[in-house]
Amino acid sequence: MNRKEIVDYFLSKPFSIETYPFDEVTPVFKVGGKMFALMSANESDRLSINLKNTPDTNILLKDMYEEVTEAYHMNKTHWVTVYCDRTLSESIIHNLIDESYAIVYKSLTKKLKRELEST
């Protein structure tokens, strides 16, 4: 997958927004004000994203795929870096994004979910 396809997929998630809280080149994708993904700007030669998942799933993902590693500058228990530019299929990348989004959306308060859904 290329950068535009991944950004488009992030933004296709309900209520997701693209922000730049760290600098002008590192997009962070949020739902309800909480981050569910970050796209790396540090590695110009590789396209990578940081995604959230459960600790047990992250261990399995790192064991199963060489394209999944510990997330740089993030909580390594809950976040992984996924390299999207080589052998991982689009469906696997979509599933990982979906899971990250779902975990973060589920953590939102009922009040915030109602506010988002009423807009």
PDB file of N, CA and C in Angstrom:
ATOM      1  N   MET A   1       0.854  -1.182   0.000  1.00  0.00           N
ATOM      2  CA  MET A   1       0.000   0.000   0.000  1.00  0.00           C
ATOM      3  C   MET A   1       0.891   1.233   0.000  1.00  0.00           C
ATOM      4  N   ASN A   2       0.400   2.276  -0.642  1.00  0.00           N
ATOM      5  CA  ASN A   2       1.170   3.516  -0.640  1.00  0.00           C
ATOM      6  C   ASN A   2       0.598   4.474   0.417  1.00  0.00           C
ATOM      7  N   ARG A   3       1.300   5.572   0.616  1.00  0.00           N
ATOM      8  CA  ARG A   3       0.949   6.549   1.649  1.00  0.00           C
ATOM      9  C   ARG A   3      -0.485   7.072   1.488  1.00  0.00           C
ATOM     10  N   LYS A   4      -0.870   7.450   0.275  1.00  0.00           N
ATOM     11  CA  LYS A   4      -2.208   8.007   0.050  1.00  0.00           C
ATOM     12  C   LYS A   4      -3.295   6.981   0.361  1.00  0.00           C
ATOM     13  N   GLU A   5      -3.088   5.735  -0.047  1.00  0.00           N
ATOM     14  CA  GLU A   5      -4.081   4.692   0.227  1.00  0.00           C
ATOM     15  C   GLU A   5      -4.268   4.491   1.729  1.00  0.00           C
ATOM     16  N   ILE A   6      -3.170   4.529   2.460  1.00  0.00           N
ATOM     17  CA  ILE A   6      -3.267   4.347   3.911  1.00  0.00           C
ATOM     18  C   ILE A   6      -3.956   5.538   4.565  1.00  0.00           C
ATOM     19  N   VAL A   7      -3.575   6.745   4.184  1.00  0.00           N
ATOM     20  CA  VAL A   7      -4.231   7.946   4.731  1.00  0.00           C
ATOM     21  C   VAL A   7      -5.724   7.913   4.421  1.00  0.00           C
ATOM     22  N   ASP A   8      -6.073   7.586   3.197  1.00  0.00           N
ATOM     23  CA  ASP A   8      -7.491   7.506   2.820  1.00  0.00           C
ATOM     24  C   ASP A   8      -8.227   6.476   3.676  1.00  0.00           C
ATOM     25  N   TYR A   9      -7.567   5.358   3.948  1.00  0.00           N
ATOM     26  CA  TYR A   9      -8.216   4.336   4.772  1.00  0.00           C
ATOM     27  C   TYR A   9      -8.390   4.825   6.209  1.00  0.00           C
ATOM     28  N   PHE A  10      -7.365   5.472   6.763  1.00  0.00           N
ATOM     29  CA  PHE A  10      -7.512   6.059   8.107  1.00  0.00           C
ATOM     30  C   PHE A  10      -8.714   6.999   8.151  1.00  0.00           C
ATOM     31  N   LEU A  11      -8.802   7.864   7.156  1.00  0.00           N
ATOM     32  CA  LEU A  11      -9.853   8.881   7.162  1.00  0.00           C
ATOM     33  C   LEU A  11     -11.229   8.323   6.807  1.00  0.00           C
ATOM     34  N   SER A  12     -11.287   7.094   6.328  1.00  0.00           N
ATOM     35  CA  SER A  12     -12.580   6.469   6.043  1.00  0.00           C
ATOM     36  C   SER A  12     -13.247   5.951   7.319  1.00  0.00           C
ATOM     37  N   LYS A  13     -12.494   5.874   8.400  1.00  0.00           N
ATOM     38  CA  LYS A  13     -13.048   5.415   9.666  1.00  0.00           C
ATOM     39  C   LYS A  13     -13.966   6.517  10.223  1.00  0.00           C
ATOM     40  N   PRO A  14     -15.119   6.142  10.766  1.00  0.00           N
ATOM     41  CA  PRO A  14     -16.054   7.146  11.273  1.00  0.00           C
ATOM     42  C   PRO A  14     -15.411   8.073  12.308  1.00  0.00           C
ATOM     43  N   PHE A  15     -15.609   9.360  12.121  1.00  0.00           N
ATOM     44  CA  PHE A  15     -15.181  10.400  13.056  1.00  0.00           C
ATOM     45  C   PHE A  15     -13.668  10.553  13.167  1.00  0.00           C
ATOM     46  N   SER A  16     -12.913   9.962  12.244  1.00  0.00           N
ATOM     47  CA  SER A  16     -11.461  10.090  12.329  1.00  0.00           C
ATOM     48  C   SER A  16     -11.011  11.413  11.727  1.00  0.00           C
ATOM     49  N   ILE A  17      -9.933  11.943  12.293  1.00  0.00           N
ATOM     50  CA  ILE A  17      -9.359  13.191  11.802  1.00  0.00           C
ATOM     51  C   ILE A  17      -7.843  13.048  11.725  1.00  0.00           C
ATOM     52  N   GLU A  18      -7.253  13.851  10.858  1.00  0.00           N
ATOM     53  CA  GLU A  18      -5.805  13.894  10.706  1.00  0.00           C
ATOM     54  C   GLU A  18      -5.293  15.149  11.397  1.00  0.00           C
ATOM     55  N   THR A  19      -4.315  14.988  12.269  1.00  0.00           N
ATOM     56  CA  THR A  19      -3.758  16.124  13.000  1.00  0.00           C
ATOM     57  C   THR A  19      -2.229  16.084  12.886  1.00  0.00           C
ATOM     58  N   TYR A  20      -1.596  17.179  13.270  1.00  0.00           N
ATOM     59  CA  TYR A  20      -0.133  17.286  13.269  1.00  0.00           C
ATOM     60  C   TYR A  20       0.335  17.886  14.593  1.00  0.00           C
ATOM     61  N   PRO A  21       0.183  17.151  15.700  1.00  0.00           N
ATOM     62  CA  PRO A  21       0.530  17.715  17.007  1.00  0.00           C
ATOM     63  C   PRO A  21       2.032  17.790  17.285  1.00  0.00           C
ATOM     64  N   PHE A  22       2.842  17.006  16.583  1.00  0.00           N
ATOM     65  CA  PHE A  22       4.269  16.942  16.883  1.00  0.00           C
ATOM     66  C   PHE A  22       5.106  17.836  15.981  1.00  0.00           C
ATOM     67  N   ASP A  23       4.776  17.858  14.704  1.00  0.00           N
ATOM     68  CA  ASP A  23       5.486  18.677  13.720  1.00  0.00           C
ATOM     69  C   ASP A  23       4.631  18.753  12.457  1.00  0.00           C
ATOM     70  N   GLU A  24       5.165  19.367  11.414  1.00  0.00           N
ATOM     71  CA  GLU A  24       4.391  19.573  10.188  1.00  0.00           C
ATOM     72  C   GLU A  24       4.411  18.376   9.246  1.00  0.00           C
ATOM     73  N   VAL A  25       5.160  17.338   9.578  1.00  0.00           N
ATOM     74  CA  VAL A  25       5.311  16.217   8.643  1.00  0.00           C
ATOM     75  C   VAL A  25       4.873  14.860   9.201  1.00  0.00           C
ATOM     76  N   THR A  26       4.465  14.801  10.455  1.00  0.00           N
ATOM     77  CA  THR A  26       4.074  13.530  11.070  1.00  0.00           C
ATOM     78  C   THR A  26       2.576  13.516  11.342  1.00  0.00           C
ATOM     79  N   PRO A  27       1.800  12.908  10.445  1.00  0.00           N
ATOM     80  CA  PRO A  27       0.356  12.881  10.673  1.00  0.00           C
ATOM     81  C   PRO A  27      -0.028  11.896  11.777  1.00  0.00           C
ATOM     82  N   VAL A  28      -0.934  12.342  12.619  1.00  0.00           N
ATOM     83  CA  VAL A  28      -1.495  11.529  13.688  1.00  0.00           C
ATOM     84  C   VAL A  28      -2.995  11.456  13.431  1.00  0.00           C
ATOM     85  N   PHE A  29      -3.535  10.257  13.503  1.00  0.00           N
ATOM     86  CA  PHE A  29      -4.957  10.055  13.225  1.00  0.00           C
ATOM     87  C   PHE A  29      -5.663   9.751  14.534  1.00  0.00           C
ATOM     88  N   LYS A  30      -6.743  10.495  14.762  1.00  0.00           N
ATOM     89  CA  LYS A  30      -7.436  10.424  16.045  1.00  0.00           C
ATOM     90  C   LYS A  30      -8.924  10.191  15.839  1.00  0.00           C
ATOM     91  N   VAL A  31      -9.535   9.624  16.872  1.00  0.00           N
ATOM     92  CA  VAL A  31     -10.978   9.538  16.974  1.00  0.00           C
ATOM     93  C   VAL A  31     -11.334   9.999  18.376  1.00  0.00           C
ATOM     94  N   GLY A  32     -12.257  10.937  18.473  1.00  0.00           N
ATOM     95  CA  GLY A  32     -12.643  11.452  19.782  1.00  0.00           C
ATOM     96  C   GLY A  32     -11.491  12.060  20.559  1.00  0.00           C
ATOM     97  N   GLY A  33     -10.507  12.615  19.842  1.00  0.00           N
ATOM     98  CA  GLY A  33      -9.363  13.243  20.495  1.00  0.00           C
ATOM     99  C   GLY A  33      -8.280  12.279  20.932  1.00  0.00           C
ATOM    100  N   LYS A  34      -8.453  10.982  20.671  1.00  0.00           N
ATOM    101  CA  LYS A  34      -7.456   9.976  21.058  1.00  0.00           C
ATOM    102  C   LYS A  34      -6.795   9.386  19.815  1.00  0.00           C
ATOM    103  N   MET A  35      -5.500   9.205  19.898  1.00  0.00           N
ATOM    104  CA  MET A  35      -4.723   8.701  18.765  1.00  0.00           C
ATOM    105  C   MET A  35      -4.971   7.212  18.547  1.00  0.00           C
ATOM    106  N   PHE A  36      -5.247   6.838  17.283  1.00  0.00           N
ATOM    107  CA  PHE A  36      -5.310   5.422  16.944  1.00  0.00           C
ATOM    108  C   PHE A  36      -4.236   5.045  15.924  1.00  0.00           C
ATOM    109  N   ALA A  37      -3.558   6.034  15.345  1.00  0.00           N
ATOM    110  CA  ALA A  37      -2.487   5.735  14.390  1.00  0.00           C
ATOM    111  C   ALA A  37      -1.580   6.941  14.217  1.00  0.00           C
ATOM    112  N   LEU A  38      -0.355   6.637  13.860  1.00  0.00           N
ATOM    113  CA  LEU A  38       0.640   7.661  13.571  1.00  0.00           C
ATOM    114  C   LEU A  38       1.431   7.168  12.367  1.00  0.00           C
ATOM    115  N   MET A  39       1.660   8.052  11.413  1.00  0.00           N
ATOM    116  CA  MET A  39       2.438   7.684  10.232  1.00  0.00           C
ATOM    117  C   MET A  39       3.830   8.266  10.373  1.00  0.00           C
ATOM    118  N   SER A  40       4.825   7.434  10.209  1.00  0.00           N
ATOM    119  CA  SER A  40       6.201   7.867  10.411  1.00  0.00           C
ATOM    120  C   SER A  40       6.662   8.823   9.324  1.00  0.00           C
ATOM    121  N   ALA A  41       7.372   9.839   9.752  1.00  0.00           N
ATOM    122  CA  ALA A  41       8.008  10.765   8.821  1.00  0.00           C
ATOM    123  C   ALA A  41       9.526  10.634   8.917  1.00  0.00           C
ATOM    124  N   ASN A  42       9.991   9.812   9.844  1.00  0.00           N
ATOM    125  CA  ASN A  42      11.432   9.680  10.090  1.00  0.00           C
ATOM    126  C   ASN A  42      12.149   8.815   9.076  1.00  0.00           C
ATOM    127  N   GLU A  43      11.468   7.877   8.493  1.00  0.00           N
ATOM    128  CA  GLU A  43      12.121   6.944   7.584  1.00  0.00           C
ATOM    129  C   GLU A  43      11.658   7.215   6.157  1.00  0.00           C
ATOM    130  N   SER A  44      12.419   7.995   5.450  1.00  0.00           N
ATOM    131  CA  SER A  44      12.004   8.373   4.091  1.00  0.00           C
ATOM    132  C   SER A  44      12.030   7.208   3.125  1.00  0.00           C
ATOM    133  N   ASP A  45      12.801   6.164   3.442  1.00  0.00           N
ATOM    134  CA  ASP A  45      12.910   5.028   2.535  1.00  0.00           C
ATOM    135  C   ASP A  45      11.876   3.934   2.795  1.00  0.00           C
ATOM    136  N   ARG A  46      11.145   4.020   3.914  1.00  0.00           N
ATOM    137  CA  ARG A  46      10.151   2.995   4.250  1.00  0.00           C
ATOM    138  C   ARG A  46       8.883   3.652   4.766  1.00  0.00           C
ATOM    139  N   LEU A  47       7.770   3.121   4.351  1.00  0.00           N
ATOM    140  CA  LEU A  47       6.477   3.606   4.816  1.00  0.00           C
ATOM    141  C   LEU A  47       6.065   2.784   6.033  1.00  0.00           C
ATOM    142  N   SER A  48       5.887   3.453   7.165  1.00  0.00           N
ATOM    143  CA  SER A  48       5.482   2.735   8.372  1.00  0.00           C
ATOM    144  C   SER A  48       4.412   3.512   9.116  1.00  0.00           C
ATOM    145  N   ILE A  49       3.617   2.746   9.860  1.00  0.00           N
ATOM    146  CA  ILE A  49       2.572   3.322  10.703  1.00  0.00           C
ATOM    147  C   ILE A  49       2.666   2.678  12.080  1.00  0.00           C
ATOM    148  N   ASN A  50       2.304   3.439  13.094  1.00  0.00           N
ATOM    149  CA  ASN A  50       2.216   2.909  14.451  1.00  0.00           C
ATOM    150  C   ASN A  50       0.750   2.688  14.758  1.00  0.00           C
ATOM    151  N   LEU A  51       0.449   1.497  15.266  1.00  0.00           N
ATOM    152  CA  LEU A  51      -0.929   1.121  15.559  1.00  0.00           C
ATOM    153  C   LEU A  51      -1.023   0.502  16.945  1.00  0.00           C
ATOM    154  N   LYS A  52      -2.191   0.613  17.527  1.00  0.00           N
ATOM    155  CA  LYS A  52      -2.443   0.081  18.861  1.00  0.00           C
ATOM    156  C   LYS A  52      -3.074  -1.308  18.744  1.00  0.00           C
ATOM    157  N   ASN A  53      -2.754  -2.160  19.729  1.00  0.00           N
ATOM    158  CA  ASN A  53      -3.403  -3.458  19.820  1.00  0.00           C
ATOM    159  C   ASN A  53      -3.221  -3.967  21.238  1.00  0.00           C
ATOM    160  N   THR A  54      -3.753  -5.137  21.529  1.00  0.00           N
ATOM    161  CA  THR A  54      -3.594  -5.691  22.871  1.00  0.00           C
ATOM    162  C   THR A  54      -2.162  -6.196  23.038  1.00  0.00           C
ATOM    163  N   PRO A  55      -1.661  -6.233  24.253  1.00  0.00           N
ATOM    164  CA  PRO A  55      -0.303  -6.715  24.470  1.00  0.00           C
ATOM    165  C   PRO A  55      -0.058  -8.118  23.902  1.00  0.00           C
ATOM    166  N   ASP A  56      -0.987  -9.040  24.125  1.00  0.00           N
ATOM    167  CA  ASP A  56      -0.814 -10.406  23.622  1.00  0.00           C
ATOM    168  C   ASP A  56      -0.815 -10.455  22.100  1.00  0.00           C
ATOM    169  N   THR A  57      -1.696  -9.708  21.492  1.00  0.00           N
ATOM    170  CA  THR A  57      -1.745  -9.678  20.030  1.00  0.00           C
ATOM    171  C   THR A  57      -0.480  -9.073  19.462  1.00  0.00           C
ATOM    172  N   ASN A  58       0.035  -8.027  20.105  1.00  0.00           N
ATOM    173  CA  ASN A  58       1.272  -7.412  19.617  1.00  0.00           C
ATOM    174  C   ASN A  58       2.444  -8.390  19.654  1.00  0.00           C
ATOM    175  N   ILE A  59       2.521  -9.219  20.677  1.00  0.00           N
ATOM    176  CA  ILE A  59       3.574 -10.233  20.746  1.00  0.00           C
ATOM    177  C   ILE A  59       3.429 -11.200  19.571  1.00  0.00           C
ATOM    178  N   LEU A  60       2.212 -11.656  19.325  1.00  0.00           N
ATOM    179  CA  LEU A  60       1.969 -12.578  18.200  1.00  0.00           C
ATOM    180  C   LEU A  60       2.304 -11.939  16.861  1.00  0.00           C
ATOM    181  N   LEU A  61       1.896 -10.683  16.681  1.00  0.00           N
ATOM    182  CA  LEU A  61       2.167  -9.994  15.416  1.00  0.00           C
ATOM    183  C   LEU A  61       3.656  -9.871  15.157  1.00  0.00           C
ATOM    184  N   LYS A  62       4.406  -9.532  16.202  1.00  0.00           N
ATOM    185  CA  LYS A  62       5.867  -9.398  16.043  1.00  0.00           C
ATOM    186  C   LYS A  62       6.513 -10.743  15.732  1.00  0.00           C
ATOM    187  N   ASP A  63       5.942 -11.820  16.257  1.00  0.00           N
ATOM    188  CA  ASP A  63       6.457 -13.157  15.959  1.00  0.00           C
ATOM    189  C   ASP A  63       6.081 -13.617  14.548  1.00  0.00           C
ATOM    190  N   MET A  64       4.914 -13.234  14.090  1.00  0.00           N
ATOM    191  CA  MET A  64       4.408 -13.704  12.795  1.00  0.00           C
ATOM    192  C   MET A  64       4.970 -12.943  11.595  1.00  0.00           C
ATOM    193  N   TYR A  65       5.189 -11.644  11.760  1.00  0.00           N
ATOM    194  CA  TYR A  65       5.539 -10.794  10.621  1.00  0.00           C
ATOM    195  C   TYR A  65       6.817 -10.016  10.896  1.00  0.00           C
ATOM    196  N   GLU A  66       7.765 -10.116  10.013  1.00  0.00           N
ATOM    197  CA  GLU A  66       8.986  -9.328  10.192  1.00  0.00           C
ATOM    198  C   GLU A  66       8.725  -7.847   9.975  1.00  0.00           C
ATOM    199  N   GLU A  67       7.603  -7.507   9.339  1.00  0.00           N
ATOM    200  CA  GLU A  67       7.237  -6.104   9.091  1.00  0.00           C
ATOM    201  C   GLU A  67       6.610  -5.436  10.311  1.00  0.00           C
ATOM    202  N   VAL A  68       6.417  -6.176  11.393  1.00  0.00           N
ATOM    203  CA  VAL A  68       5.830  -5.634  12.620  1.00  0.00           C
ATOM    204  C   VAL A  68       6.907  -5.657  13.698  1.00  0.00           C
ATOM    205  N   THR A  69       7.192  -4.476  14.253  1.00  0.00           N
ATOM    206  CA  THR A  69       8.234  -4.339  15.264  1.00  0.00           C
ATOM    207  C   THR A  69       7.727  -3.477  16.420  1.00  0.00           C
ATOM    208  N   GLU A  70       8.548  -3.351  17.445  1.00  0.00           N
ATOM    209  CA  GLU A  70       8.194  -2.468  18.556  1.00  0.00           C
ATOM    210  C   GLU A  70       8.082  -1.037  18.040  1.00  0.00           C
ATOM    211  N   ALA A  71       7.134  -0.310  18.570  1.00  0.00           N
ATOM    212  CA  ALA A  71       6.879   1.058  18.116  1.00  0.00           C
ATOM    213  C   ALA A  71       7.931   2.012  18.681  1.00  0.00           C
ATOM    214  N   TYR A  72       8.489   2.789  17.801  1.00  0.00           N
ATOM    215  CA  TYR A  72       9.501   3.771  18.154  1.00  0.00           C
ATOM    216  C   TYR A  72       8.860   4.919  18.938  1.00  0.00           C
ATOM    217  N   HIS A  73       9.410   5.274  20.067  1.00  0.00           N
ATOM    218  CA  HIS A  73       8.948   6.377  20.925  1.00  0.00           C
ATOM    219  C   HIS A  73       7.512   6.222  21.413  1.00  0.00           C
ATOM    220  N   MET A  74       7.053   4.993  21.561  1.00  0.00           N
ATOM    221  CA  MET A  74       5.691   4.772  22.060  1.00  0.00           C
ATOM    222  C   MET A  74       5.724   3.629  23.069  1.00  0.00           C
ATOM    223  N   ASN A  75       4.624   3.436  23.773  1.00  0.00           N
ATOM    224  CA  ASN A  75       4.519   2.342  24.723  1.00  0.00           C
ATOM    225  C   ASN A  75       4.596   1.028  23.945  1.00  0.00           C
ATOM    226  N   LYS A  76       5.661   0.300  24.139  1.00  0.00           N
ATOM    227  CA  LYS A  76       5.922  -0.895  23.343  1.00  0.00           C
ATOM    228  C   LYS A  76       5.027  -2.072  23.705  1.00  0.00           C
ATOM    229  N   THR A  77       4.294  -1.965  24.790  1.00  0.00           N
ATOM    230  CA  THR A  77       3.339  -3.005  25.154  1.00  0.00           C
ATOM    231  C   THR A  77       2.068  -2.887  24.318  1.00  0.00           C
ATOM    232  N   HIS A  78       1.658  -1.652  24.056  1.00  0.00           N
ATOM    233  CA  HIS A  78       0.368  -1.416  23.403  1.00  0.00           C
ATOM    234  C   HIS A  78       0.466  -0.988  21.943  1.00  0.00           C
ATOM    235  N   TRP A  79       1.657  -0.619  21.499  1.00  0.00           N
ATOM    236  CA  TRP A  79       1.818  -0.085  20.147  1.00  0.00           C
ATOM    237  C   TRP A  79       2.892  -0.857  19.380  1.00  0.00           C
ATOM    238  N   VAL A  80       2.668  -1.005  18.078  1.00  0.00           N
ATOM    239  CA  VAL A  80       3.660  -1.606  17.188  1.00  0.00           C
ATOM    240  C   VAL A  80       3.842  -0.710  15.972  1.00  0.00           C
ATOM    241  N   THR A  81       4.998  -0.856  15.343  1.00  0.00           N
ATOM    242  CA  THR A  81       5.245  -0.226  14.055  1.00  0.00           C
ATOM    243  C   THR A  81       5.025  -1.282  12.990  1.00  0.00           C
ATOM    244  N   VAL A  82       4.254  -0.898  11.971  1.00  0.00           N
ATOM    245  CA  VAL A  82       3.944  -1.802  10.862  1.00  0.00           C
ATOM    246  C   VAL A  82       4.527  -1.190   9.591  1.00  0.00           C
ATOM    247  N   TYR A  83       5.440  -1.924   8.949  1.00  0.00           N
ATOM    248  CA  TYR A  83       6.012  -1.481   7.677  1.00  0.00           C
ATOM    249  C   TYR A  83       5.087  -1.941   6.557  1.00  0.00           C
ATOM    250  N   CYS A  84       4.603  -0.980   5.786  1.00  0.00           N
ATOM    251  CA  CYS A  84       3.533  -1.234   4.821  1.00  0.00           C
ATOM    252  C   CYS A  84       4.001  -1.315   3.381  1.00  0.00           C
ATOM    253  N   ASP A  85       5.273  -1.209   3.145  1.00  0.00           N
ATOM    254  CA  ASP A  85       5.766  -1.030   1.788  1.00  0.00           C
ATOM    255  C   ASP A  85       6.352  -2.281   1.148  1.00  0.00           C
ATOM    256  N   ARG A  86       6.227  -3.412   1.807  1.00  0.00           N
ATOM    257  CA  ARG A  86       6.874  -4.598   1.234  1.00  0.00           C
ATOM    258  C   ARG A  86       5.899  -5.752   1.081  1.00  0.00           C
ATOM    259  N   THR A  87       5.874  -6.685   2.002  1.00  0.00           N
ATOM    260  CA  THR A  87       5.149  -7.928   1.760  1.00  0.00           C
ATOM    261  C   THR A  87       3.799  -8.062   2.462  1.00  0.00           C
ATOM    262  N   LEU A  88       3.486  -7.228   3.420  1.00  0.00           N
ATOM    263  CA  LEU A  88       2.177  -7.354   4.074  1.00  0.00           C
ATOM    264  C   LEU A  88       1.066  -7.038   3.091  1.00  0.00           C
ATOM    265  N   SER A  89       0.047  -7.867   3.095  1.00  0.00           N
ATOM    266  CA  SER A  89      -1.072  -7.650   2.170  1.00  0.00           C
ATOM    267  C   SER A  89      -1.929  -6.473   2.637  1.00  0.00           C
ATOM    268  N   GLU A  90      -2.668  -5.931   1.704  1.00  0.00           N
ATOM    269  CA  GLU A  90      -3.582  -4.831   2.015  1.00  0.00           C
ATOM    270  C   GLU A  90      -4.604  -5.263   3.059  1.00  0.00           C
ATOM    271  N   SER A  91      -5.103  -6.482   2.967  1.00  0.00           N
ATOM    272  CA  SER A  91      -6.115  -6.932   3.924  1.00  0.00           C
ATOM    273  C   SER A  91      -5.543  -7.030   5.341  1.00  0.00           C
ATOM    274  N   ILE A  92      -4.299  -7.455   5.487  1.00  0.00           N
ATOM    275  CA  ILE A  92      -3.688  -7.508   6.817  1.00  0.00           C
ATOM    276  C   ILE A  92      -3.515  -6.098   7.366  1.00  0.00           C
ATOM    277  N   ILE A  93      -3.037  -5.191   6.541  1.00  0.00           N
ATOM    278  CA  ILE A  93      -2.862  -3.802   6.987  1.00  0.00           C
ATOM    279  C   ILE A  93      -4.213  -3.214   7.372  1.00  0.00           C
ATOM    280  N   HIS A  94      -5.242  -3.435   6.571  1.00  0.00           N
ATOM    281  CA  HIS A  94      -6.582  -2.940   6.906  1.00  0.00           C
ATOM    282  C   HIS A  94      -7.066  -3.529   8.226  1.00  0.00           C
ATOM    283  N   ASN A  95      -6.860  -4.825   8.429  1.00  0.00           N
ATOM    284  CA  ASN A  95      -7.293  -5.450   9.682  1.00  0.00           C
ATOM    285  C   ASN A  95      -6.578  -4.856  10.890  1.00  0.00           C
ATOM    286  N   LEU A  96      -5.288  -4.588  10.759  1.00  0.00           N
ATOM    287  CA  LEU A  96      -4.538  -3.985  11.867  1.00  0.00           C
ATOM    288  C   LEU A  96      -5.020  -2.566  12.159  1.00  0.00           C
ATOM    289  N   ILE A  97      -5.302  -1.807  11.108  1.00  0.00           N
ATOM    290  CA  ILE A  97      -5.846  -0.446  11.284  1.00  0.00           C
ATOM    291  C   ILE A  97      -7.223  -0.530  11.935  1.00  0.00           C
ATOM    292  N   ASP A  98      -8.065  -1.439  11.452  1.00  0.00           N
ATOM    293  CA  ASP A  98      -9.414  -1.597  12.009  1.00  0.00           C
ATOM    294  C   ASP A  98      -9.355  -1.912  13.501  1.00  0.00           C
ATOM    295  N   GLU A  99      -8.448  -2.795  13.885  1.00  0.00           N
ATOM    296  CA  GLU A  99      -8.334  -3.184  15.292  1.00  0.00           C
ATOM    297  C   GLU A  99      -7.857  -2.009  16.143  1.00  0.00           C
ATOM    298  N   SER A 100      -6.883  -1.269  15.662  1.00  0.00           N
ATOM    299  CA  SER A 100      -6.392  -0.109  16.401  1.00  0.00           C
ATOM    300  C   SER A 100      -7.518   0.904  16.606  1.00  0.00           C
ATOM    301  N   TYR A 101      -8.232   1.194  15.528  1.00  0.00           N
ATOM    302  CA  TYR A 101      -9.355   2.128  15.606  1.00  0.00           C
ATOM    303  C   TYR A 101     -10.400   1.620  16.612  1.00  0.00           C
ATOM    304  N   ALA A 102     -10.754   0.341  16.519  1.00  0.00           N
ATOM    305  CA  ALA A 102     -11.796  -0.222  17.391  1.00  0.00           C
ATOM    306  C   ALA A 102     -11.405  -0.148  18.858  1.00  0.00           C
ATOM    307  N   ILE A 103     -10.153  -0.441  19.163  1.00  0.00           N
ATOM    308  CA  ILE A 103      -9.690  -0.380  20.557  1.00  0.00           C
ATOM    309  C   ILE A 103      -9.826   1.040  21.103  1.00  0.00           C
ATOM    310  N   VAL A 104      -9.423   2.013  20.320  1.00  0.00           N
ATOM    311  CA  VAL A 104      -9.487   3.401  20.775  1.00  0.00           C
ATOM    312  C   VAL A 104     -10.929   3.880  20.842  1.00  0.00           C
ATOM    313  N   TYR A 105     -11.728   3.580  19.825  1.00  0.00           N
ATOM    314  CA  TYR A 105     -13.130   4.009  19.838  1.00  0.00           C
ATOM    315  C   TYR A 105     -13.863   3.404  21.038  1.00  0.00           C
ATOM    316  N   LYS A 106     -13.608   2.136  21.310  1.00  0.00           N
ATOM    317  CA  LYS A 106     -14.264   1.459  22.432  1.00  0.00           C
ATOM    318  C   LYS A 106     -13.909   2.118  23.763  1.00  0.00           C
ATOM    319  N   SER A 107     -12.720   2.715  23.863  1.00  0.00           N
ATOM    320  CA  SER A 107     -12.279   3.336  25.113  1.00  0.00           C
ATOM    321  C   SER A 107     -12.918   4.702  25.365  1.00  0.00           C
ATOM    322  N   LEU A 108     -13.583   5.266  24.353  1.00  0.00           N
ATOM    323  CA  LEU A 108     -14.212   6.577  24.524  1.00  0.00           C
ATOM    324  C   LEU A 108     -15.404   6.477  25.467  1.00  0.00           C
ATOM    325  N   THR A 109     -15.683   7.556  26.151  1.00  0.00           N
ATOM    326  CA  THR A 109     -16.830   7.569  27.056  1.00  0.00           C
ATOM    327  C   THR A 109     -18.127   7.512  26.262  1.00  0.00           C
ATOM    328  N   LYS A 110     -19.171   7.041  26.910  1.00  0.00           N
ATOM    329  CA  LYS A 110     -20.491   6.995  26.257  1.00  0.00           C
ATOM    330  C   LYS A 110     -20.917   8.389  25.831  1.00  0.00           C
ATOM    331  N   LYS A 111     -20.640   9.363  26.669  1.00  0.00           N
ATOM    332  CA  LYS A 111     -21.010  10.747  26.360  1.00  0.00           C
ATOM    333  C   LYS A 111     -20.302  11.214  25.092  1.00  0.00           C
ATOM    334  N   LEU A 112     -19.014  10.962  24.988  1.00  0.00           N
ATOM    335  CA  LEU A 112     -18.269  11.390  23.807  1.00  0.00           C
ATOM    336  C   LEU A 112     -18.744  10.654  22.563  1.00  0.00           C
ATOM    337  N   LYS A 113     -19.034   9.374  22.677  1.00  0.00           N
ATOM    338  CA  LYS A 113     -19.560   8.626  21.529  1.00  0.00           C
ATOM    339  C   LYS A 113     -20.883   9.221  21.062  1.00  0.00           C
ATOM    340  N   ARG A 114     -21.756   9.565  22.014  1.00  0.00           N
ATOM    341  CA  ARG A 114     -23.043  10.194  21.641  1.00  0.00           C
ATOM    342  C   ARG A 114     -22.816  11.521  20.940  1.00  0.00           C
ATOM    343  N   GLU A 115     -21.872  12.306  21.457  1.00  0.00           N
ATOM    344  CA  GLU A 115     -21.561  13.602  20.822  1.00  0.00           C
ATOM    345  C   GLU A 115     -21.056  13.403  19.395  1.00  0.00           C
ATOM    346  N   LEU A 116     -20.170  12.465  19.206  1.00  0.00           N
ATOM    347  CA  LEU A 116     -19.638  12.204  17.861  1.00  0.00           C
ATOM    348  C   LEU A 116     -20.748  11.732  16.923  1.00  0.00           C
ATOM    349  N   GLU A 117     -21.565  10.830  17.408  1.00  0.00           N
ATOM    350  CA  GLU A 117     -22.603  10.239  16.569  1.00  0.00           C
ATOM    351  C   GLU A 117     -23.736  11.206  16.275  1.00  0.00           C
ATOM    352  N   SER A 118     -23.854  12.280  17.033  1.00  0.00           N
ATOM    353  CA  SER A 118     -24.921  13.251  16.787  1.00  0.00           C
ATOM    354  C   SER A 118     -24.509  14.351  15.808  1.00  0.00           C
ATOM    355  N   THR A 119     -23.236  14.351  15.407  1.00  0.00           N
ATOM    356  CA  THR A 119     -22.778  15.384  14.473  1.00  0.00           C
ATOM    357  C   THR A 119     -22.936  14.948  13.040  1.00  0.00           C
TER     358      THR A 119
END
